[in-house]
């Protein structure tokens, strides 16, 4: 099954469509949202995407596997 963008597509359905035996998908960007109540000025650390945690430090990004 080919993956495609579709309104109302659940994340679990997207993951299932991408698990088609082809090349593993690559994440090129990620966004962080916190809501619409007050302006947020800050930083992100310990960002987890699937089984990898990304720690953003002054000397670069460190990655570690979860588990």
Protein backbone atom coordinates (compact mmCIF):
# COMPACT_ATOMS: atom_id res chain seq x y z
CA UNK A 1 0.00 0.00 0.00
CA UNK A 2 1.42 3.41 -0.91
CA UNK A 3 1.45 6.06 1.82
CA UNK A 4 -0.34 9.30 1.04
CA UNK A 5 -1.52 12.35 2.92
CA UNK A 6 -5.22 12.16 3.68
CA UNK A 7 -7.41 14.30 5.93
CA UNK A 8 -8.50 12.32 8.97
CA UNK A 9 -5.75 9.71 8.63
CA UNK A 10 -4.91 8.30 12.08
CA UNK A 11 -1.22 8.07 13.00
CA UNK A 12 -1.52 4.29 13.47
CA UNK A 13 -2.92 4.00 9.92
CA UNK A 14 -0.03 6.05 8.54
CA UNK A 15 2.52 3.87 10.34
CA UNK A 16 0.83 0.76 8.98
CA UNK A 17 0.87 2.14 5.42
CA UNK A 18 4.59 2.93 5.71
CA UNK A 19 5.35 -0.64 6.87
CA UNK A 20 5.13 -2.03 3.34
CA UNK A 21 8.52 -3.74 3.11
CA UNK A 22 10.12 -0.85 1.23
CA UNK A 23 12.79 1.57 2.36
CA UNK A 24 12.49 2.77 5.95
CA UNK A 25 10.95 6.28 6.11
CA UNK A 26 13.17 9.18 7.21
CA UNK A 27 12.01 12.07 9.41
CA UNK A 28 13.50 15.32 8.12
CA UNK A 29 11.72 17.78 10.42
CA UNK A 30 9.82 17.81 13.70
CA UNK A 31 7.70 20.52 15.29
CA UNK A 32 6.83 21.20 18.92
CA UNK A 33 3.58 22.90 19.87
CA UNK A 34 2.33 23.92 23.27
CA UNK A 35 -1.06 25.45 22.68
CA UNK A 36 -2.49 28.92 22.15
CA UNK A 37 -2.77 30.38 25.66
CA UNK A 38 0.54 32.26 26.23
CA UNK A 39 3.66 32.91 24.20
CA UNK A 40 6.41 30.37 24.85
CA UNK A 41 10.09 31.19 24.69
CA UNK A 42 12.29 28.29 25.59
CA UNK A 43 14.21 25.28 24.43
CA UNK A 44 13.56 21.61 23.82
CA UNK A 45 15.77 18.93 25.33
CA UNK A 46 15.28 15.21 25.52
CA UNK A 47 13.11 15.06 22.38
CA UNK A 48 11.98 11.48 21.81
CA UNK A 49 11.06 10.25 18.36
CA UNK A 50 10.19 6.56 18.35
CA UNK A 51 13.10 4.76 20.09
CA UNK A 52 15.65 7.60 19.97
CA UNK A 53 16.13 10.50 22.39
CA UNK A 54 17.84 13.64 21.09
CA UNK A 55 19.64 15.79 23.71
CA UNK A 56 20.49 19.25 22.39
CA UNK A 57 23.68 20.60 23.96
CA UNK A 58 25.91 23.62 23.26
CA UNK A 59 28.46 21.37 21.54
CA UNK A 60 25.97 19.49 19.38
CA UNK A 61 23.18 16.93 19.48
CA UNK A 62 23.63 13.67 21.35
CA UNK A 63 21.41 10.70 20.56
CA UNK A 64 20.66 7.65 22.64
CA UNK A 65 18.41 4.65 22.20
CA UNK A 66 15.52 4.09 24.60
CA UNK A 67 15.48 0.87 26.54
